C-alpha cells in the first residue's frame, strides 16, 4: 500500500466488505482494516481523503450517497477501533464516476466497488 501511495498518491483498499446496498462494514473486513491502520500508524504525517466508489447499478444520486457513507464507515472504524485521529481522514464518495473495469460483467462491477485512500 505504501508503495502505491508513494508512486500514485492513492491506493485502492480491496478486502473491505459491506452489506448489500448498505454502508455497514462486515466482520471479514478486519484484516484489510488492520493493514490500513498499520500503514496510517507508520506514517503519521500522511492525511487522506477516503473515497468510496460503486458500480453503475442504481441511480447516480443513490450511488454517490452510498459511496460516501461507506467511506465514512471506514473512517469510523479506523477512529473507533484503531485510534486513528479523525482529523487525518476526510470522507467523500464519487459513486460510479471513476470505474477501473467495465460494468458489463460481474467481475468488473466487483472491482469498481471499492474504497480508496487518496493522499492530501
N, C-alpha and C. Protein backbone atom coordinates (compact mmCIF):
# COMPACT_ATOMS: atom_id res chain seq x y z
N UNK A 1 0.82 -1.20 0.00
CA UNK A 1 0.00 0.00 0.00
C UNK A 1 0.86 1.26 0.00
N UNK A 2 1.86 1.26 0.83
CA UNK A 2 2.71 2.45 0.93
C UNK A 2 3.40 2.78 -0.38
N UNK A 3 3.81 1.75 -1.13
CA UNK A 3 4.48 1.98 -2.41
C UNK A 3 3.53 2.63 -3.40
N UNK A 4 2.27 2.18 -3.43
CA UNK A 4 1.27 2.79 -4.32
C UNK A 4 1.03 4.24 -3.94
N UNK A 5 0.97 4.53 -2.66
CA UNK A 5 0.76 5.91 -2.23
C UNK A 5 1.94 6.77 -2.64
N UNK A 6 3.14 6.24 -2.45
CA UNK A 6 4.34 6.99 -2.83
C UNK A 6 4.37 7.27 -4.33
N UNK A 7 3.97 6.29 -5.14
CA UNK A 7 4.07 6.43 -6.60
C UNK A 7 2.86 7.12 -7.21
N UNK A 8 1.64 6.74 -6.77
CA UNK A 8 0.42 7.23 -7.41
C UNK A 8 -0.35 8.25 -6.58
N UNK A 9 -0.01 8.36 -5.30
CA UNK A 9 -0.75 9.27 -4.43
C UNK A 9 -2.07 8.70 -3.95
N UNK A 10 -2.30 7.42 -4.22
CA UNK A 10 -3.54 6.77 -3.78
C UNK A 10 -3.35 5.26 -3.78
N UNK A 11 -4.28 4.59 -3.12
CA UNK A 11 -4.29 3.13 -3.12
C UNK A 11 -5.73 2.65 -2.96
N UNK A 12 -6.10 1.64 -3.72
CA UNK A 12 -7.42 1.02 -3.59
C UNK A 12 -7.37 0.03 -2.43
N UNK A 13 -8.40 0.05 -1.61
CA UNK A 13 -8.47 -0.82 -0.44
C UNK A 13 -9.45 -1.96 -0.71
N UNK A 14 -8.99 -2.95 -1.42
CA UNK A 14 -9.83 -4.13 -1.62
C UNK A 14 -9.77 -4.96 -0.35
N UNK A 15 -10.80 -5.74 -0.10
CA UNK A 15 -10.87 -6.51 1.14
C UNK A 15 -11.76 -5.87 2.17
N UNK A 16 -12.39 -4.76 1.80
CA UNK A 16 -13.42 -4.15 2.65
C UNK A 16 -14.77 -4.62 2.12
N UNK A 17 -15.58 -5.18 2.99
CA UNK A 17 -16.86 -5.76 2.57
C UNK A 17 -18.00 -5.08 3.32
N UNK A 18 -19.07 -4.82 2.58
CA UNK A 18 -20.24 -4.14 3.13
C UNK A 18 -21.48 -4.98 2.88
N UNK A 19 -22.46 -4.83 3.76
CA UNK A 19 -23.76 -5.42 3.49
C UNK A 19 -24.30 -4.85 2.19
N UNK A 20 -25.06 -5.64 1.46
CA UNK A 20 -25.61 -5.22 0.17
C UNK A 20 -26.45 -3.96 0.33
N UNK A 21 -26.14 -2.96 -0.50
CA UNK A 21 -26.87 -1.68 -0.52
C UNK A 21 -26.84 -0.94 0.82
N UNK A 22 -25.81 -1.22 1.64
CA UNK A 22 -25.68 -0.56 2.93
C UNK A 22 -24.23 -0.13 3.14
N UNK A 23 -24.03 0.69 4.16
CA UNK A 23 -22.68 1.15 4.50
C UNK A 23 -22.17 0.46 5.75
N UNK A 24 -22.70 -0.71 6.05
CA UNK A 24 -22.29 -1.46 7.22
C UNK A 24 -21.12 -2.37 6.86
N UNK A 25 -19.97 -2.12 7.49
CA UNK A 25 -18.80 -2.96 7.26
C UNK A 25 -19.03 -4.35 7.85
N UNK A 26 -18.66 -5.37 7.09
CA UNK A 26 -18.77 -6.74 7.57
C UNK A 26 -17.52 -7.11 8.36
N UNK A 27 -17.65 -8.11 9.22
CA UNK A 27 -16.55 -8.55 10.08
C UNK A 27 -15.34 -9.00 9.27
N UNK A 28 -15.57 -9.56 8.07
CA UNK A 28 -14.44 -10.04 7.26
C UNK A 28 -13.59 -8.90 6.69
N UNK A 29 -13.95 -7.67 6.98
CA UNK A 29 -13.15 -6.51 6.59
C UNK A 29 -11.99 -6.26 7.54
N UNK A 30 -11.98 -6.91 8.68
CA UNK A 30 -10.97 -6.64 9.71
C UNK A 30 -9.53 -6.78 9.21
N UNK A 31 -9.16 -7.84 8.47
CA UNK A 31 -7.77 -7.90 8.01
C UNK A 31 -7.35 -6.70 7.16
N UNK A 32 -8.23 -6.23 6.29
CA UNK A 32 -7.90 -5.05 5.47
C UNK A 32 -7.80 -3.81 6.35
N UNK A 33 -8.71 -3.66 7.30
CA UNK A 33 -8.65 -2.52 8.22
C UNK A 33 -7.38 -2.56 9.06
N UNK A 34 -6.97 -3.76 9.48
CA UNK A 34 -5.72 -3.91 10.24
C UNK A 34 -4.54 -3.36 9.43
N UNK A 35 -4.49 -3.70 8.15
CA UNK A 35 -3.39 -3.25 7.29
C UNK A 35 -3.42 -1.73 7.07
N UNK A 36 -4.62 -1.18 6.88
CA UNK A 36 -4.75 0.27 6.71
C UNK A 36 -4.29 0.98 7.97
N UNK A 37 -4.73 0.49 9.12
CA UNK A 37 -4.33 1.11 10.39
C UNK A 37 -2.83 1.03 10.59
N UNK A 38 -2.22 -0.10 10.24
CA UNK A 38 -0.77 -0.26 10.36
C UNK A 38 -0.06 0.78 9.48
N UNK A 39 -0.55 0.99 8.26
CA UNK A 39 0.04 1.98 7.37
C UNK A 39 -0.10 3.39 7.95
N UNK A 40 -1.29 3.72 8.44
CA UNK A 40 -1.53 5.05 9.00
C UNK A 40 -0.68 5.31 10.23
N UNK A 41 -0.49 4.30 11.05
CA UNK A 41 0.35 4.47 12.24
C UNK A 41 1.83 4.59 11.88
N UNK A 42 2.24 3.93 10.80
CA UNK A 42 3.63 4.01 10.36
C UNK A 42 3.95 5.35 9.71
N UNK A 43 2.92 6.05 9.25
CA UNK A 43 3.11 7.33 8.55
C UNK A 43 2.17 8.39 9.12
N UNK A 44 2.42 8.83 10.35
CA UNK A 44 1.52 9.80 10.97
C UNK A 44 1.48 11.15 10.26
N UNK A 45 2.42 11.40 9.36
CA UNK A 45 2.44 12.66 8.60
C UNK A 45 1.47 12.62 7.41
N UNK A 46 0.97 11.46 7.05
CA UNK A 46 0.06 11.33 5.91
C UNK A 46 -1.38 11.57 6.33
N UNK A 47 -2.10 12.37 5.56
CA UNK A 47 -3.53 12.61 5.72
C UNK A 47 -4.21 12.21 4.42
N UNK A 48 -5.45 11.74 4.51
CA UNK A 48 -6.10 11.16 3.33
C UNK A 48 -7.55 11.60 3.16
N UNK A 49 -7.95 11.64 1.90
CA UNK A 49 -9.36 11.56 1.55
C UNK A 49 -9.65 10.07 1.48
N UNK A 50 -10.73 9.65 2.10
CA UNK A 50 -11.19 8.27 2.00
C UNK A 50 -12.36 8.33 1.03
N UNK A 51 -12.18 7.75 -0.15
CA UNK A 51 -13.13 7.94 -1.25
C UNK A 51 -13.82 6.61 -1.58
N UNK A 52 -15.14 6.62 -1.47
CA UNK A 52 -15.93 5.45 -1.82
C UNK A 52 -16.29 5.45 -3.29
N UNK A 53 -16.35 4.24 -3.85
CA UNK A 53 -16.71 4.03 -5.26
C UNK A 53 -17.75 2.92 -5.32
N UNK A 54 -18.64 2.99 -6.31
CA UNK A 54 -19.63 1.94 -6.53
C UNK A 54 -19.58 1.50 -7.98
N UNK A 55 -20.37 0.47 -8.30
CA UNK A 55 -20.59 0.13 -9.70
C UNK A 55 -21.72 1.01 -10.23
N UNK A 56 -22.20 0.73 -11.43
CA UNK A 56 -23.21 1.59 -12.05
C UNK A 56 -24.64 1.10 -11.83
N UNK A 57 -24.83 0.15 -10.93
CA UNK A 57 -26.17 -0.33 -10.63
C UNK A 57 -26.87 0.71 -9.76
N UNK A 58 -28.02 1.19 -10.20
CA UNK A 58 -28.76 2.21 -9.44
C UNK A 58 -28.47 3.61 -9.97
N UNK A 59 -29.14 4.57 -9.36
CA UNK A 59 -29.02 5.95 -9.83
C UNK A 59 -27.71 6.59 -9.34
N UNK A 60 -27.31 7.62 -10.04
CA UNK A 60 -26.09 8.35 -9.67
C UNK A 60 -26.22 8.91 -8.26
N UNK A 61 -27.33 9.55 -7.95
CA UNK A 61 -27.51 10.15 -6.62
C UNK A 61 -27.42 9.10 -5.52
N UNK A 62 -28.09 7.96 -5.74
CA UNK A 62 -28.06 6.90 -4.74
C UNK A 62 -26.63 6.40 -4.53
N UNK A 63 -25.92 6.15 -5.61
CA UNK A 63 -24.57 5.61 -5.51
C UNK A 63 -23.57 6.60 -4.94
N UNK A 64 -23.75 7.87 -5.21
CA UNK A 64 -22.84 8.86 -4.61
C UNK A 64 -23.02 8.89 -3.09
N UNK A 65 -24.27 8.84 -2.63
CA UNK A 65 -24.52 8.82 -1.18
C UNK A 65 -24.00 7.53 -0.56
N UNK A 66 -24.29 6.40 -1.19
CA UNK A 66 -23.83 5.12 -0.67
C UNK A 66 -22.30 5.08 -0.60
N UNK A 67 -21.64 5.56 -1.63
CA UNK A 67 -20.17 5.52 -1.63
C UNK A 67 -19.59 6.43 -0.55
N UNK A 68 -20.20 7.58 -0.34
CA UNK A 68 -19.73 8.47 0.74
C UNK A 68 -19.99 7.85 2.11
N UNK A 69 -21.16 7.26 2.29
CA UNK A 69 -21.49 6.62 3.56
C UNK A 69 -20.53 5.47 3.86
N UNK A 70 -20.14 4.72 2.83
CA UNK A 70 -19.18 3.64 3.03
C UNK A 70 -17.80 4.18 3.40
N UNK A 71 -17.40 5.26 2.75
CA UNK A 71 -16.12 5.89 3.12
C UNK A 71 -16.17 6.35 4.58
N UNK A 72 -17.28 6.92 4.98
CA UNK A 72 -17.44 7.37 6.37
C UNK A 72 -17.40 6.18 7.33
N UNK A 73 -17.96 5.04 6.94
CA UNK A 73 -17.92 3.85 7.79
C UNK A 73 -16.49 3.36 7.99
N UNK A 74 -15.68 3.46 6.96
CA UNK A 74 -14.27 3.07 7.07
C UNK A 74 -13.55 4.00 8.05
N UNK A 75 -13.80 5.29 7.92
CA UNK A 75 -13.20 6.25 8.84
C UNK A 75 -13.64 5.97 10.28
N UNK A 76 -14.91 5.74 10.48
CA UNK A 76 -15.42 5.46 11.82
C UNK A 76 -14.73 4.25 12.42
N UNK A 77 -14.55 3.20 11.63
CA UNK A 77 -13.86 2.00 12.13
C UNK A 77 -12.40 2.31 12.48
N UNK A 78 -11.73 3.07 11.64
CA UNK A 78 -10.32 3.39 11.91
C UNK A 78 -10.18 4.26 13.16
N UNK A 79 -11.10 5.18 13.36
CA UNK A 79 -11.06 6.06 14.53
C UNK A 79 -11.43 5.28 15.79
N UNK A 80 -12.52 4.55 15.74
CA UNK A 80 -13.03 3.87 16.94
C UNK A 80 -12.24 2.62 17.33
N UNK A 81 -11.81 1.85 16.34
CA UNK A 81 -11.17 0.56 16.63
C UNK A 81 -9.65 0.61 16.63
N UNK A 82 -9.07 1.65 16.02
CA UNK A 82 -7.62 1.70 15.87
C UNK A 82 -7.00 3.01 16.38
N UNK A 83 -7.83 3.88 16.92
CA UNK A 83 -7.37 5.16 17.49
C UNK A 83 -6.63 6.04 16.48
N UNK A 84 -7.06 5.99 15.23
CA UNK A 84 -6.51 6.90 14.22
C UNK A 84 -7.21 8.25 14.40
N UNK A 85 -6.48 9.34 14.48
CA UNK A 85 -7.12 10.65 14.67
C UNK A 85 -8.05 11.01 13.50
N UNK A 86 -9.26 11.37 13.83
CA UNK A 86 -10.29 11.71 12.83
C UNK A 86 -9.83 12.85 11.92
N UNK A 87 -9.04 13.76 12.43
CA UNK A 87 -8.61 14.92 11.64
C UNK A 87 -7.74 14.52 10.45
N UNK A 88 -7.19 13.32 10.45
CA UNK A 88 -6.34 12.86 9.34
C UNK A 88 -7.12 12.35 8.15
N UNK A 89 -8.43 12.14 8.31
CA UNK A 89 -9.24 11.46 7.31
C UNK A 89 -10.48 12.26 6.96
N UNK A 90 -10.79 12.34 5.68
CA UNK A 90 -11.98 13.05 5.21
C UNK A 90 -12.70 12.19 4.18
N UNK A 91 -13.99 11.96 4.41
CA UNK A 91 -14.78 11.08 3.54
C UNK A 91 -15.35 11.82 2.35
N UNK A 92 -15.41 11.11 1.24
CA UNK A 92 -16.13 11.57 0.06
C UNK A 92 -16.55 10.34 -0.73
N UNK A 93 -17.47 10.54 -1.65
CA UNK A 93 -17.93 9.43 -2.48
C UNK A 93 -18.20 9.91 -3.89
N UNK A 94 -17.73 9.13 -4.84
CA UNK A 94 -17.92 9.51 -6.24
C UNK A 94 -18.84 8.54 -6.97
N UNK A 95 -19.40 7.58 -6.24
CA UNK A 95 -20.31 6.63 -6.87
C UNK A 95 -19.65 5.90 -8.01
N UNK A 96 -20.32 5.86 -9.18
CA UNK A 96 -19.80 5.09 -10.31
C UNK A 96 -18.95 5.91 -11.29
N UNK A 97 -18.55 7.10 -10.92
CA UNK A 97 -17.92 8.02 -11.87
C UNK A 97 -16.48 7.71 -12.23
N UNK A 98 -15.81 6.84 -11.48
CA UNK A 98 -14.41 6.54 -11.77
C UNK A 98 -14.21 5.01 -11.79
N UNK A 99 -14.80 4.33 -12.76
CA UNK A 99 -14.63 2.88 -12.81
C UNK A 99 -13.21 2.50 -13.18
N UNK A 100 -12.78 1.35 -12.71
CA UNK A 100 -11.47 0.82 -13.09
C UNK A 100 -11.62 -0.37 -14.04
N UNK A 101 -12.83 -0.90 -14.15
CA UNK A 101 -13.15 -2.00 -15.05
C UNK A 101 -14.52 -1.76 -15.64
N UNK A 102 -14.86 -2.51 -16.66
CA UNK A 102 -16.19 -2.40 -17.25
C UNK A 102 -17.26 -2.81 -16.25
N UNK A 103 -18.40 -2.18 -16.35
CA UNK A 103 -19.54 -2.54 -15.51
C UNK A 103 -20.44 -3.55 -16.20
N UNK A 104 -20.01 -4.08 -17.35
CA UNK A 104 -20.82 -5.03 -18.12
C UNK A 104 -20.73 -6.44 -17.57
N UNK A 105 -19.74 -6.70 -16.72
CA UNK A 105 -19.54 -8.04 -16.16
C UNK A 105 -19.50 -7.97 -14.64
N UNK A 106 -19.92 -9.06 -13.99
CA UNK A 106 -19.91 -9.11 -12.53
C UNK A 106 -18.52 -8.84 -11.95
N UNK A 107 -17.49 -9.42 -12.56
CA UNK A 107 -16.13 -9.24 -12.03
C UNK A 107 -15.71 -7.78 -12.09
N UNK A 108 -16.06 -7.09 -13.15
CA UNK A 108 -15.74 -5.67 -13.27
C UNK A 108 -16.51 -4.83 -12.26
N UNK A 109 -17.78 -5.13 -12.09
CA UNK A 109 -18.57 -4.38 -11.10
C UNK A 109 -18.01 -4.58 -9.71
N UNK A 110 -17.56 -5.79 -9.41
CA UNK A 110 -16.97 -6.07 -8.08
C UNK A 110 -15.71 -5.24 -7.86
N UNK A 111 -14.87 -5.10 -8.87
CA UNK A 111 -13.65 -4.29 -8.73
C UNK A 111 -13.96 -2.80 -8.63
N UNK A 112 -15.05 -2.38 -9.22
CA UNK A 112 -15.44 -0.96 -9.15
C UNK A 112 -15.99 -0.59 -7.78
N UNK A 113 -16.50 -1.55 -7.05
CA UNK A 113 -16.98 -1.30 -5.68
C UNK A 113 -15.77 -1.36 -4.75
N UNK A 114 -15.26 -0.19 -4.42
CA UNK A 114 -14.03 -0.13 -3.63
C UNK A 114 -13.98 1.16 -2.83
N UNK A 115 -13.03 1.21 -1.93
CA UNK A 115 -12.71 2.44 -1.20
C UNK A 115 -11.23 2.70 -1.48
N UNK A 116 -10.89 3.96 -1.68
CA UNK A 116 -9.51 4.34 -1.92
C UNK A 116 -9.04 5.35 -0.89
N UNK A 117 -7.76 5.28 -0.57
CA UNK A 117 -7.10 6.34 0.20
C UNK A 117 -6.41 7.24 -0.81
N UNK A 118 -6.71 8.52 -0.78
CA UNK A 118 -6.08 9.49 -1.67
C UNK A 118 -5.32 10.49 -0.79
N UNK A 119 -4.02 10.54 -1.01
CA UNK A 119 -3.16 11.40 -0.20
C UNK A 119 -3.54 12.86 -0.38
N UNK A 120 -3.68 13.58 0.74
CA UNK A 120 -3.98 15.02 0.68
C UNK A 120 -2.72 15.80 0.41
